[in-house]
C-alpha atoms as a PDB file:
ATOM      1  CA  MET A   1    -125.586 -74.826 -37.001  1.00  0.00           C
ATOM      2  CA  SER A   2    -122.770 -73.125 -34.956  1.00  0.00           C
ATOM      3  CA  LYS A   3    -119.784 -75.120 -33.832  1.00  0.00           C
ATOM      4  CA  ILE A   4    -119.719 -76.617 -30.171  1.00  0.00           C
ATOM      5  CA  ARG A   5    -117.445 -74.432 -28.100  1.00  0.00           C
ATOM      6  CA  ILE A   6    -114.996 -76.537 -26.082  1.00  0.00           C
ATOM      7  CA  GLY A   7    -113.008 -75.556 -23.098  1.00  0.00           C
ATOM      8  CA  ILE A   8    -110.123 -77.622 -21.765  1.00  0.00           C
ATOM      9  CA  ALA A   9    -109.230 -77.651 -18.168  1.00  0.00           C
ATOM     10  CA  GLY A  10    -105.662 -78.878 -17.845  1.00  0.00           C
ATOM     11  CA  TYR A  11    -103.125 -78.945 -20.594  1.00  0.00           C
ATOM     12  CA  GLY A  12    -101.075 -82.197 -19.854  1.00  0.00           C
ATOM     13  CA  ASN A  13    -101.014 -85.243 -22.129  1.00  0.00           C
ATOM     14  CA  VAL A  14    -104.848 -85.529 -22.295  1.00  0.00           C
ATOM     15  CA  GLY A  15    -105.471 -81.862 -22.649  1.00  0.00           C
ATOM     16  CA  ARG A  16    -103.150 -81.688 -25.633  1.00  0.00           C
ATOM     17  CA  GLY A  17    -104.885 -84.787 -27.062  1.00  0.00           C
ATOM     18  CA  VAL A  18    -108.269 -83.053 -26.799  1.00  0.00           C
ATOM     19  CA  GLU A  19    -106.926 -80.018 -28.736  1.00  0.00           C
ATOM     20  CA  ALA A  20    -105.668 -82.285 -31.514  1.00  0.00           C
ATOM     21  CA  ALA A  21    -108.966 -84.247 -31.414  1.00  0.00           C
ATOM     22  CA  ILE A  22    -111.057 -81.054 -31.818  1.00  0.00           C
ATOM     23  CA  LYS A  23    -109.260 -80.287 -35.022  1.00  0.00           C
ATOM     24  CA  GLN A  24    -110.486 -83.601 -36.388  1.00  0.00           C
ATOM     25  CA  ASN A  25    -114.141 -82.869 -35.603  1.00  0.00           C
ATOM     26  CA  PRO A  26    -115.436 -80.016 -37.830  1.00  0.00           C
ATOM     27  CA  ASP A  27    -118.464 -79.439 -35.747  1.00  0.00           C
ATOM     28  CA  THR A  28    -116.269 -78.442 -32.802  1.00  0.00           C
ATOM     29  CA  GLU A  29    -113.878 -75.558 -31.904  1.00  0.00           C
ATOM     30  CA  LEU A  30    -111.550 -74.900 -29.003  1.00  0.00           C
ATOM     31  CA  ALA A  31    -112.391 -71.747 -27.136  1.00  0.00           C
ATOM     32  CA  ALA A  32    -110.074 -71.713 -24.332  1.00  0.00           C
ATOM     33  CA  VAL A  33    -107.531 -73.737 -22.311  1.00  0.00           C
ATOM     34  CA  PHE A  34    -107.601 -73.281 -18.462  1.00  0.00           C
ATOM     35  CA  THR A  35    -104.468 -73.992 -16.552  1.00  0.00           C
ATOM     36  CA  ARG A  36    -102.718 -73.421 -13.330  1.00  0.00           C
ATOM     37  CA  ARG A  37     -99.641 -72.503 -15.103  1.00  0.00           C
ATOM     38  CA  ALA A  38     -98.708 -69.063 -16.228  1.00  0.00           C
ATOM     39  CA  ALA A  39    -100.651 -68.112 -19.306  1.00  0.00           C
ATOM     40  CA  ASP A  40     -97.559 -67.120 -21.238  1.00  0.00           C
ATOM     41  CA  SER A  41     -95.445 -70.368 -20.245  1.00  0.00           C
ATOM     42  CA  PHE A  42     -96.670 -72.272 -23.351  1.00  0.00           C
ATOM     43  CA  SER A  43     -98.486 -71.718 -26.646  1.00  0.00           C
ATOM     44  CA  LEU A  44    -101.363 -73.630 -28.145  1.00  0.00           C
ATOM     45  CA  ASN A  45    -101.543 -75.205 -31.623  1.00  0.00           C
ATOM     46  CA  THR A  46    -104.967 -73.544 -32.254  1.00  0.00           C
ATOM     47  CA  PRO A  47    -104.872 -69.974 -33.596  1.00  0.00           C
ATOM     48  CA  GLY A  48    -107.298 -67.673 -31.708  1.00  0.00           C
ATOM     49  CA  ALA A  49    -107.868 -69.954 -28.622  1.00  0.00           C
ATOM     50  CA  LYS A  50    -107.195 -68.354 -25.392  1.00  0.00           C
ATOM     51  CA  VAL A  51    -105.005 -69.609 -22.442  1.00  0.00           C
ATOM     52  CA  VAL A  52    -106.639 -68.538 -19.178  1.00  0.00           C
ATOM     53  CA  ASN A  53    -105.853 -69.126 -15.539  1.00  0.00           C
ATOM     54  CA  ILE A  54    -108.188 -71.737 -14.191  1.00  0.00           C
ATOM     55  CA  SER A  55    -109.150 -69.470 -11.359  1.00  0.00           C
ATOM     56  CA  MET A  56    -110.913 -67.348 -13.953  1.00  0.00           C
ATOM     57  CA  ALA A  57    -113.113 -70.178 -15.523  1.00  0.00           C
ATOM     58  CA  LYS A  58    -116.317 -68.732 -14.013  1.00  0.00           C
ATOM     59  CA  ASP A  59    -115.988 -65.625 -16.216  1.00  0.00           C
ATOM     60  CA  TYR A  60    -116.272 -67.797 -19.334  1.00  0.00           C
ATOM     61  CA  ALA A  61    -119.532 -69.631 -18.359  1.00  0.00           C
ATOM     62  CA  ASN A  62    -121.455 -68.050 -21.254  1.00  0.00           C
ATOM     63  CA  ASP A  63    -118.556 -68.583 -23.746  1.00  0.00           C
ATOM     64  CA  ILE A  64    -118.239 -72.303 -23.712  1.00  0.00           C
ATOM     65  CA  ASP A  65    -120.788 -75.064 -24.334  1.00  0.00           C
ATOM     66  CA  VAL A  66    -118.821 -77.859 -22.725  1.00  0.00           C
ATOM     67  CA  MET A  67    -115.836 -78.012 -20.589  1.00  0.00           C
ATOM     68  CA  ILE A  68    -113.596 -81.164 -20.822  1.00  0.00           C
ATOM     69  CA  LEU A  69    -111.763 -81.752 -17.566  1.00  0.00           C
ATOM     70  CA  CYS A  70    -108.282 -83.276 -18.307  1.00  0.00           C
ATOM     71  CA  GLY A  71    -106.802 -83.351 -14.599  1.00  0.00           C
ATOM     72  CA  GLY A  72    -105.928 -86.394 -12.755  1.00  0.00           C
ATOM     73  CA  SER A  73    -108.393 -88.668 -10.793  1.00  0.00           C
ATOM     74  CA  ALA A  74    -106.338 -88.608  -7.449  1.00  0.00           C
ATOM     75  CA  THR A  75    -106.511 -84.991  -6.573  1.00  0.00           C
ATOM     76  CA  ASP A  76    -107.751 -82.890  -9.445  1.00  0.00           C
ATOM     77  CA  LEU A  77    -111.085 -84.248 -10.525  1.00  0.00           C
ATOM     78  CA  PRO A  78    -112.555 -84.838  -7.053  1.00  0.00           C
ATOM     79  CA  GLU A  79    -112.470 -81.115  -6.548  1.00  0.00           C
ATOM     80  CA  GLN A  80    -112.799 -79.864 -10.068  1.00  0.00           C
ATOM     81  CA  GLY A  81    -115.752 -82.113 -10.970  1.00  0.00           C
ATOM     82  CA  PRO A  82    -118.449 -80.670  -8.648  1.00  0.00           C
ATOM     83  CA  GLU A  83    -116.866 -77.133  -8.918  1.00  0.00           C
ATOM     84  CA  PHE A  84    -117.170 -77.068 -12.730  1.00  0.00           C
ATOM     85  CA  ALA A  85    -120.336 -78.843 -12.819  1.00  0.00           C
ATOM     86  CA  SER A  86    -121.916 -75.710 -10.930  1.00  0.00           C
ATOM     87  CA  MET A  87    -120.895 -73.678 -14.099  1.00  0.00           C
ATOM     88  CA  PHE A  88    -120.526 -75.860 -17.280  1.00  0.00           C
ATOM     89  CA  ASN A  89    -121.584 -78.910 -19.000  1.00  0.00           C
ATOM     90  CA  ILE A  90    -118.583 -81.055 -18.395  1.00  0.00           C
ATOM     91  CA  VAL A  91    -117.105 -84.413 -19.546  1.00  0.00           C
ATOM     92  CA  ASP A  92    -114.150 -86.095 -17.631  1.00  0.00           C
ATOM     93  CA  SER A  93    -112.303 -89.231 -17.374  1.00  0.00           C
ATOM     94  CA  PHE A  94    -112.455 -90.012 -13.582  1.00  0.00           C
ATOM     95  CA  ASP A  95    -111.020 -93.621 -13.483  1.00  0.00           C
ATOM     96  CA  THR A  96    -110.726 -94.483  -9.792  1.00  0.00           C
ATOM     97  CA  HIS A  97    -113.331 -97.311 -10.180  1.00  0.00           C
ATOM     98  CA  ALA A  98    -114.136 -97.906  -6.501  1.00  0.00           C
ATOM     99  CA  LYS A  99    -114.774 -94.270  -6.006  1.00  0.00           C
ATOM    100  CA  ILE A 100    -117.046 -93.627  -8.957  1.00  0.00           C
ATOM    101  CA  PRO A 101    -120.338 -93.961  -7.217  1.00  0.00           C
ATOM    102  CA  GLU A 102    -119.278 -91.424  -4.579  1.00  0.00           C
ATOM    103  CA  TYR A 103    -117.884 -89.041  -7.191  1.00  0.00           C
ATOM    104  CA  PHE A 104    -121.094 -89.393  -9.316  1.00  0.00           C
ATOM    105  CA  GLU A 105    -123.165 -88.226  -6.316  1.00  0.00           C
ATOM    106  CA  LYS A 106    -121.119 -85.212  -5.690  1.00  0.00           C
ATOM    107  CA  VAL A 107    -121.212 -84.106  -9.371  1.00  0.00           C
ATOM    108  CA  ASN A 108    -124.899 -84.829  -9.650  1.00  0.00           C
ATOM    109  CA  LYS A 109    -125.652 -82.658  -6.615  1.00  0.00           C
ATOM    110  CA  ALA A 110    -123.883 -79.628  -8.333  1.00  0.00           C
ATOM    111  CA  ALA A 111    -125.366 -80.366 -11.786  1.00  0.00           C
ATOM    112  CA  ALA A 112    -128.945 -80.607 -10.330  1.00  0.00           C
ATOM    113  CA  ILE A 113    -128.727 -76.964  -9.126  1.00  0.00           C
ATOM    114  CA  SER A 114    -126.977 -75.706 -12.177  1.00  0.00           C
ATOM    115  CA  LYS A 115    -129.045 -77.583 -14.691  1.00  0.00           C
ATOM    116  CA  LYS A 116    -125.978 -78.814 -16.402  1.00  0.00           C
ATOM    117  CA  THR A 117    -125.201 -82.111 -18.163  1.00  0.00           C
ATOM    118  CA  CYS A 118    -122.079 -83.793 -16.782  1.00  0.00           C
ATOM    119  CA  ILE A 119    -120.904 -87.070 -18.257  1.00  0.00           C
ATOM    120  CA  ILE A 120    -118.270 -88.650 -15.922  1.00  0.00           C
ATOM    121  CA  SER A 121    -115.689 -91.515 -16.206  1.00  0.00           C
ATOM    122  CA  VAL A 122    -115.346 -91.307 -19.904  1.00  0.00           C
ATOM    123  CA  GLY A 123    -112.560 -92.939 -21.738  1.00  0.00           C
ATOM    124  CA  TRP A 124    -111.912 -96.616 -22.509  1.00  0.00           C
ATOM    125  CA  ASP A 125    -111.735 -98.078 -19.094  1.00  0.00           C
ATOM    126  CA  PRO A 126    -113.993 -96.924 -17.483  1.00  0.00           C
ATOM    127  CA  GLY A 127    -115.907 -95.979 -20.619  1.00  0.00           C
ATOM    128  CA  LEU A 128    -115.974 -98.135 -23.836  1.00  0.00           C
ATOM    129  CA  PHE A 129    -114.947-101.263 -21.876  1.00  0.00           C
ATOM    130  CA  SER A 130    -117.796-100.538 -19.330  1.00  0.00           C
ATOM    131  CA  MET A 131    -120.287-100.266 -22.282  1.00  0.00           C
ATOM    132  CA  ILE A 132    -119.085-103.550 -23.814  1.00  0.00           C
ATOM    133  CA  ARG A 133    -119.315-105.289 -20.284  1.00  0.00           C
ATOM    134  CA  MET A 134    -122.802-103.968 -19.836  1.00  0.00           C
ATOM    135  CA  LEU A 135    -123.952-104.781 -23.476  1.00  0.00           C
ATOM    136  CA  SER A 136    -122.451-108.280 -23.350  1.00  0.00           C
ATOM    137  CA  GLY A 137    -124.015-109.257 -20.000  1.00  0.00           C
ATOM    138  CA  ALA A 138    -127.407-108.150 -21.280  1.00  0.00           C
ATOM    139  CA  ILE A 139    -127.001-110.442 -24.367  1.00  0.00           C
ATOM    140  CA  LEU A 140    -125.429-113.312 -22.603  1.00  0.00           C
ATOM    141  CA  PRO A 141    -126.909-113.396 -19.063  1.00  0.00           C
ATOM    142  CA  VAL A 142    -125.293-116.923 -18.368  1.00  0.00           C
ATOM    143  CA  GLY A 143    -121.629-116.381 -18.535  1.00  0.00           C
ATOM    144  CA  ASN A 144    -118.548-114.571 -17.037  1.00  0.00           C
ATOM    145  CA  ASP A 145    -116.761-111.196 -17.784  1.00  0.00           C
ATOM    146  CA  TYR A 146    -113.075-111.069 -18.245  1.00  0.00           C
ATOM    147  CA  THR A 147    -110.941-107.845 -18.695  1.00  0.00           C
ATOM    148  CA  PHE A 148    -107.394-107.767 -19.654  1.00  0.00           C
ATOM    149  CA  TRP A 149    -105.242-104.576 -19.853  1.00  0.00           C
ATOM    150  CA  GLY A 150    -102.156-103.946 -22.004  1.00  0.00           C
ATOM    151  CA  ARG A 151     -99.601-104.406 -23.316  1.00  0.00           C
ATOM    152  CA  GLY A 152     -99.371-100.856 -22.221  1.00  0.00           C
ATOM    153  CA  VAL A 153     -97.874 -98.245 -19.972  1.00  0.00           C
ATOM    154  CA  SER A 154     -99.612 -97.812 -16.388  1.00  0.00           C
ATOM    155  CA  GLN A 155     -99.087 -94.187 -15.360  1.00  0.00           C
ATOM    156  CA  GLY A 156     -99.946 -95.019 -11.720  1.00  0.00           C
ATOM    157  CA  HIS A 157     -97.608 -97.940 -11.411  1.00  0.00           C
ATOM    158  CA  SER A 158     -94.868 -95.988 -13.188  1.00  0.00           C
ATOM    159  CA  ASP A 159     -95.355 -93.129 -10.654  1.00  0.00           C
ATOM    160  CA  ALA A 160     -94.978 -95.805  -7.797  1.00  0.00           C
ATOM    161  CA  ILE A 161     -91.720 -96.893  -9.216  1.00  0.00           C
ATOM    162  CA  ARG A 162     -90.380 -93.424  -9.342  1.00  0.00           C
ATOM    163  CA  ARG A 163     -91.145 -93.014  -5.593  1.00  0.00           C
ATOM    164  CA  VAL A 164     -88.767 -95.843  -4.615  1.00  0.00           C
ATOM    165  CA  ALA A 165     -85.466 -94.680  -3.000  1.00  0.00           C
ATOM    166  CA  GLY A 166     -82.630 -94.721  -5.446  1.00  0.00           C
ATOM    167  CA  VAL A 167     -84.784 -94.591  -8.643  1.00  0.00           C
ATOM    168  CA  LYS A 168     -84.161 -91.624 -10.942  1.00  0.00           C
ATOM    169  CA  ASN A 169     -86.692 -92.496 -13.442  1.00  0.00           C
ATOM    170  CA  GLY A 170     -88.822 -95.479 -14.523  1.00  0.00           C
ATOM    171  CA  ILE A 171     -91.777 -96.895 -16.435  1.00  0.00           C
ATOM    172  CA  GLN A 172     -93.957 -99.840 -15.953  1.00  0.00           C
ATOM    173  CA  TYR A 173     -95.831-102.053 -18.557  1.00  0.00           C
ATOM    174  CA  THR A 174     -98.894-104.179 -17.783  1.00  0.00           C
ATOM    175  CA  ILE A 175     -98.913-107.321 -19.900  1.00  0.00           C
ATOM    176  CA  PRO A 176    -101.768-109.834 -20.222  1.00  0.00           C
ATOM    177  CA  ILE A 177    -100.613-113.440 -19.996  1.00  0.00           C
ATOM    178  CA  ASP A 178    -101.219-115.219 -23.206  1.00  0.00           C
ATOM    179  CA  LYS A 179    -102.270-118.535 -21.634  1.00  0.00           C
ATOM    180  CA  ALA A 180    -104.943-116.806 -19.666  1.00  0.00           C
ATOM    181  CA  VAL A 181    -106.292-114.776 -22.646  1.00  0.00           C
ATOM    182  CA  GLU A 182    -106.355-117.937 -24.853  1.00  0.00           C
ATOM    183  CA  SER A 183    -108.260-119.983 -22.119  1.00  0.00           C
ATOM    184  CA  VAL A 184    -110.897-117.287 -22.080  1.00  0.00           C
ATOM    185  CA  ARG A 185    -110.993-116.913 -25.866  1.00  0.00           C
ATOM    186  CA  ASN A 186    -111.514-120.793 -26.216  1.00  0.00           C
ATOM    187  CA  GLY A 187    -114.579-120.787 -24.023  1.00  0.00           C
ATOM    188  CA  SER A 188    -113.136-122.735 -20.976  1.00  0.00           C
ATOM    189  CA  ASN A 189    -114.538-120.103 -18.383  1.00  0.00           C
ATOM    190  CA  PRO A 190    -111.472-120.258 -16.147  1.00  0.00           C
ATOM    191  CA  GLU A 191    -111.270-118.921 -12.665  1.00  0.00           C
ATOM    192  CA  LEU A 192    -108.196-116.619 -12.844  1.00  0.00           C
ATOM    193  CA  THR A 193    -106.248-115.044 -10.001  1.00  0.00           C
ATOM    194  CA  THR A 194    -104.669-111.657 -10.263  1.00  0.00           C
ATOM    195  CA  ARG A 195    -101.344-113.279 -10.674  1.00  0.00           C
ATOM    196  CA  GLN A 196    -102.582-115.539 -13.460  1.00  0.00           C
ATOM    197  CA  LYS A 197    -103.957-112.635 -15.720  1.00  0.00           C
ATOM    198  CA  HIS A 198    -101.208-110.034 -15.938  1.00  0.00           C
ATOM    199  CA  LEU A 199     -97.477-109.618 -15.706  1.00  0.00           C
ATOM    200  CA  ARG A 200     -95.791-106.341 -14.610  1.00  0.00           C
ATOM    201  CA  GLU A 201     -92.457-105.322 -16.468  1.00  0.00           C
ATOM    202  CA  CYS A 202     -90.525-102.432 -15.026  1.00  0.00           C
ATOM    203  CA  PHE A 203     -87.681-100.358 -16.683  1.00  0.00           C
ATOM    204  CA  VAL A 204     -85.735 -98.527 -14.190  1.00  0.00           C
ATOM    205  CA  VAL A 205     -83.056 -95.786 -14.269  1.00  0.00           C
ATOM    206  CA  ALA A 206     -81.184 -95.960 -11.073  1.00  0.00           C
ATOM    207  CA  GLU A 207     -79.411 -93.154  -9.352  1.00  0.00           C
ATOM    208  CA  GLU A 208     -75.563 -93.283  -9.457  1.00  0.00           C
ATOM    209  CA  GLY A 209     -74.346 -95.814  -6.729  1.00  0.00           C
ATOM    210  CA  ALA A 210     -77.878 -96.816  -5.827  1.00  0.00           C
ATOM    211  CA  ASN A 211     -78.383-100.482  -4.464  1.00  0.00           C
ATOM    212  CA  LYS A 212     -80.011-102.041  -7.473  1.00  0.00           C
ATOM    213  CA  ALA A 213     -80.869-105.232  -5.578  1.00  0.00           C
ATOM    214  CA  GLY A 214     -82.602-103.182  -2.901  1.00  0.00           C
ATOM    215  CA  ILE A 215     -84.525-101.243  -5.674  1.00  0.00           C
ATOM    216  CA  GLU A 216     -85.724-104.477  -7.249  1.00  0.00           C
ATOM    217  CA  ALA A 217     -86.874-105.995  -3.873  1.00  0.00           C
ATOM    218  CA  ASP A 218     -88.566-102.790  -2.984  1.00  0.00           C
ATOM    219  CA  ILE A 219     -90.528-102.787  -6.233  1.00  0.00           C
ATOM    220  CA  LYS A 220     -91.459-106.485  -6.259  1.00  0.00           C
ATOM    221  CA  ASN A 221     -92.709-106.371  -2.624  1.00  0.00           C
ATOM    222  CA  MET A 222     -94.707-103.139  -3.004  1.00  0.00           C
ATOM    223  CA  PRO A 223     -98.305-103.833  -1.822  1.00  0.00           C
ATOM    224  CA  ASN A 224    -101.216-102.884  -3.873  1.00  0.00           C
ATOM    225  CA  TYR A 225     -98.903-102.390  -6.969  1.00  0.00           C
ATOM    226  CA  PHE A 226     -96.605-105.334  -7.638  1.00  0.00           C
ATOM    227  CA  SER A 227     -96.579-107.856  -4.789  1.00  0.00           C
ATOM    228  CA  ASP A 228     -99.579-109.720  -6.217  1.00  0.00           C
ATOM    229  CA  TYR A 229     -98.001-109.994  -9.736  1.00  0.00           C
ATOM    230  CA  GLU A 230     -95.084-111.805 -11.453  1.00  0.00           C
ATOM    231  CA  THR A 231     -92.834-108.759 -11.776  1.00  0.00           C
ATOM    232  CA  THR A 232     -89.660-108.239 -13.702  1.00  0.00           C
ATOM    233  CA  VAL A 233     -87.331-105.320 -13.199  1.00  0.00           C
ATOM    234  CA  HIS A 234     -84.838-104.228 -15.890  1.00  0.00           C
ATOM    235  CA  PHE A 235     -82.186-101.604 -15.064  1.00  0.00           C
ATOM    236  CA  ILE A 236     -81.376 -99.341 -18.205  1.00  0.00           C
ATOM    237  CA  THR A 237     -79.806 -95.915 -18.876  1.00  0.00           C
ATOM    238  CA  GLY A 238     -81.764 -92.648 -19.085  1.00  0.00           C
ATOM    239  CA  GLU A 239     -80.910 -92.652 -22.771  1.00  0.00           C
ATOM    240  CA  GLU A 240     -82.365 -96.049 -23.274  1.00  0.00           C
ATOM    241  CA  LEU A 241     -85.508 -94.950 -21.480  1.00  0.00           C
ATOM    242  CA  LYS A 242     -86.086 -91.864 -23.643  1.00  0.00           C
ATOM    243  CA  LYS A 243     -85.302 -93.721 -26.843  1.00  0.00           C
ATOM    244  CA  ASN A 244     -87.366 -96.877 -26.288  1.00  0.00           C
ATOM    245  CA  HIS A 245     -90.007 -95.917 -23.746  1.00  0.00           C
ATOM    246  CA  SER A 246     -91.182 -92.391 -24.495  1.00  0.00           C
ATOM    247  CA  LYS A 247     -94.422 -93.309 -25.993  1.00  0.00           C
ATOM    248  CA  MET A 248     -97.636 -94.166 -24.075  1.00  0.00           C
ATOM    249  CA  PRO A 249     -99.100 -97.247 -25.660  1.00  0.00           C
ATOM    250  CA  HIS A 250    -101.986 -99.169 -24.152  1.00  0.00           C
ATOM    251  CA  GLY A 251    -105.057-101.302 -24.955  1.00  0.00           C
ATOM    252  CA  GLY A 252    -106.505-104.388 -23.794  1.00  0.00           C
ATOM    253  CA  PHE A 253    -109.414-106.999 -24.261  1.00  0.00           C
ATOM    254  CA  VAL A 254    -112.930-107.354 -22.791  1.00  0.00           C
ATOM    255  CA  PHE A 255    -114.625-110.799 -23.086  1.00  0.00           C
ATOM    256  CA  ARG A 256    -117.946-112.242 -22.281  1.00  0.00           C
ATOM    257  CA  SER A 257    -117.840-115.877 -22.237  1.00  0.00           C
ATOM    258  CA  GLY A 258    -121.420-117.177 -22.081  1.00  0.00           C
ATOM    259  CA  LYS A 259    -123.684-120.157 -22.681  1.00  0.00           C
ATOM    260  CA  THR A 260    -126.985-120.412 -24.631  1.00  0.00           C
ATOM    261  CA  GLY A 261    -129.676-123.027 -25.283  1.00  0.00           C
ATOM    262  CA  ASN A 262    -131.968-125.253 -23.228  1.00  0.00           C
ATOM    263  CA  ASP A 263    -129.035-127.131 -21.647  1.00  0.00           C
ATOM    264  CA  ASP A 264    -126.414-124.345 -21.999  1.00  0.00           C
ATOM    265  CA  SER A 265    -124.612-126.487 -24.404  1.00  0.00           C
ATOM    266  CA  ASN A 266    -123.405-123.798 -26.900  1.00  0.00           C
ATOM    267  CA  ASN A 267    -120.403-121.618 -26.119  1.00  0.00           C
ATOM    268  CA  GLN A 268    -120.783-117.966 -27.253  1.00  0.00           C
ATOM    269  CA  ILE A 269    -117.956-115.385 -26.978  1.00  0.00           C
ATOM    270  CA  ILE A 270    -117.915-111.740 -27.287  1.00  0.00           C
ATOM    271  CA  GLU A 271    -114.512-110.042 -27.616  1.00  0.00           C
ATOM    272  CA  PHE A 272    -113.739-106.433 -27.834  1.00  0.00           C
ATOM    273  CA  SER A 273    -110.094-105.171 -28.039  1.00  0.00           C
ATOM    274  CA  LEU A 274    -108.048-102.095 -28.370  1.00  0.00           C
ATOM    275  CA  LYS A 275    -104.420-101.541 -29.472  1.00  0.00           C
ATOM    276  CA  LEU A 276    -103.378 -98.023 -28.977  1.00  0.00           C
ATOM    277  CA  ASP A 277    -100.117 -96.060 -29.813  1.00  0.00           C
ATOM    278  CA  SER A 278    -101.209 -93.286 -27.499  1.00  0.00           C
ATOM    279  CA  ASN A 279    -103.327 -93.871 -24.457  1.00  0.00           C
ATOM    280  CA  PRO A 280    -103.871 -90.099 -23.790  1.00  0.00           C
ATOM    281  CA  GLU A 281    -104.637 -89.226 -27.479  1.00  0.00           C
ATOM    282  CA  PHE A 282    -107.187 -92.127 -27.580  1.00  0.00           C
ATOM    283  CA  THR A 283    -108.821 -91.104 -24.363  1.00  0.00           C
ATOM    284  CA  ALA A 284    -109.001 -87.414 -25.623  1.00  0.00           C
ATOM    285  CA  ASN A 285    -110.874 -88.531 -28.672  1.00  0.00           C
ATOM    286  CA  VAL A 286    -113.450 -90.424 -26.682  1.00  0.00           C
ATOM    287  CA  LEU A 287    -113.883 -87.242 -24.540  1.00  0.00           C
ATOM    288  CA  VAL A 288    -114.654 -85.091 -27.444  1.00  0.00           C
ATOM    289  CA  ALA A 289    -117.314 -87.557 -28.800  1.00  0.00           C
ATOM    290  CA  PHE A 290    -118.987 -87.466 -25.356  1.00  0.00           C
ATOM    291  CA  ALA A 291    -118.657 -83.760 -25.242  1.00  0.00           C
ATOM    292  CA  ARG A 292    -120.816 -83.539 -28.343  1.00  0.00           C
ATOM    293  CA  ALA A 293    -123.387 -85.762 -26.578  1.00  0.00           C
ATOM    294  CA  ALA A 294    -123.393 -83.678 -23.406  1.00  0.00           C
ATOM    295  CA  VAL A 295    -124.315 -80.452 -25.384  1.00  0.00           C
ATOM    296  CA  ARG A 296    -127.019 -82.378 -27.199  1.00  0.00           C
ATOM    297  CA  MET A 297    -128.489 -83.783 -23.963  1.00  0.00           C
ATOM    298  CA  ASN A 298    -128.439 -80.465 -22.259  1.00  0.00           C
ATOM    299  CA  ARG A 299    -130.312 -78.727 -25.088  1.00  0.00           C
ATOM    300  CA  GLU A 300    -133.022 -81.370 -24.410  1.00  0.00           C
ATOM    301  CA  ALA A 301    -132.917 -80.475 -20.640  1.00  0.00           C
ATOM    302  CA  ASN A 302    -131.524 -83.934 -19.778  1.00  0.00           C
ATOM    303  CA  THR A 303    -129.484 -82.734 -17.009  1.00  0.00           C
ATOM    304  CA  GLY A 304    -127.554 -83.930 -13.959  1.00  0.00           C
ATOM    305  CA  ALA A 305    -124.557 -86.328 -13.768  1.00  0.00           C
ATOM    306  CA  LYS A 306    -124.424 -89.096 -16.427  1.00  0.00           C
ATOM    307  CA  THR A 307    -122.341 -92.067 -17.332  1.00  0.00           C
ATOM    308  CA  VAL A 308    -121.609 -93.726 -20.616  1.00  0.00           C
ATOM    309  CA  PHE A 309    -124.668 -95.955 -19.751  1.00  0.00           C
ATOM    310  CA  ASP A 310    -127.091 -92.979 -20.115  1.00  0.00           C
ATOM    311  CA  VAL A 311    -125.907 -91.564 -23.513  1.00  0.00           C
ATOM    312  CA  PRO A 312    -127.797 -92.434 -26.704  1.00  0.00           C
ATOM    313  CA  LEU A 313    -125.160 -93.863 -29.099  1.00  0.00           C
ATOM    314  CA  SER A 314    -126.260 -91.633 -31.998  1.00  0.00           C
ATOM    315  CA  TYR A 315    -125.559 -88.538 -29.884  1.00  0.00           C
ATOM    316  CA  LEU A 316    -121.775 -89.432 -30.084  1.00  0.00           C
ATOM    317  CA  SER A 317    -121.713 -88.939 -33.811  1.00  0.00           C
ATOM    318  CA  PRO A 318    -121.652 -85.721 -35.848  1.00  0.00           C
ATOM    319  CA  VAL A 319    -123.722 -87.632 -38.558  1.00  0.00           C
ATOM    320  CA  SER A 320    -127.441 -87.356 -38.621  1.00  0.00           C
ATOM    321  CA  ASN A 321    -129.707 -90.174 -37.613  1.00  0.00           C
ATOM    322  CA  LEU A 322    -130.878 -90.655 -41.289  1.00  0.00           C
ATOM    323  CA  GLU A 323    -127.263 -90.843 -42.433  1.00  0.00           C
ATOM    324  CA  LEU A 324    -126.312 -93.357 -39.650  1.00  0.00           C
ATOM    325  CA  ILE A 325    -129.219 -95.568 -40.734  1.00  0.00           C
ATOM    326  CA  LYS A 326    -128.350 -95.363 -44.404  1.00  0.00           C
ATOM    327  CA  LYS A 327    -124.660 -96.058 -43.922  1.00  0.00           C
ATOM    328  CA  LEU A 328    -124.195 -98.159 -40.736  1.00  0.00           C
ATOM    329  CA  LEU A 329    -127.414 -99.928 -39.908  1.00  0.00           C
END
């Protein structure tokens, strides 16, 4: 069978991760990267793959089996999702949780007309963590869900730090509070506030002569980002930031703490965890697996917008059903 031809829209951290992931999946190949940058401003690591201005994507509708959208959720994907759904099967990592239903409807409207299959909000949260929350709740109907993120870099919170007056550069780590995690793990079913679940740790490079006390106050009192958390601010040099904080680790835990039995007397804990050296590279690998599923579903005329809840698990794997049964069941 011919390889799945993948297009990448956007060549940032996730886009580069998708290119690397394609090389690890022998049933896929990179056809082209679509970018707003000049086509000659960078080179790919895949011989023969094209670099094309994103405005020309429509000309490649017959050359690509699935397009992986690697733009950001704030401004890129709300426009690109419905637009590309009118031309391609797509997979994206839209992760603004509160806006997913609205985004789903817009993509579904476009995909219904084009007869394409478009799997949105793919990654690890939303994505894999969403699957675990759904599965765990179905298995343990009496219980509570708990999700902890980190220790890892929050790109949105890091951007917020860099917008503070007097900040030259900075990065922020989200850190689960051990006491809260253990209270969930031991089955006590605690009611936890936002402040009780996570810490925020910031590493800031201040501009020369900047008021560090003012910067720290501005960060700690920032609504929607830091004011609801116990936040620590460290001032470091640019060299230290580059040396010690250039990677993008992340991860987290999903728990379902439930009760079973006639009198709900037995505690049952489901725990799923991730520890990632590279958040964007792991997300990229998830996207490629779901790209395979999107193509398979489209060949079966299963079209429209989809989420991880709609995808048969076996469609993610390049291995046949018979092999899956023999090796993994």
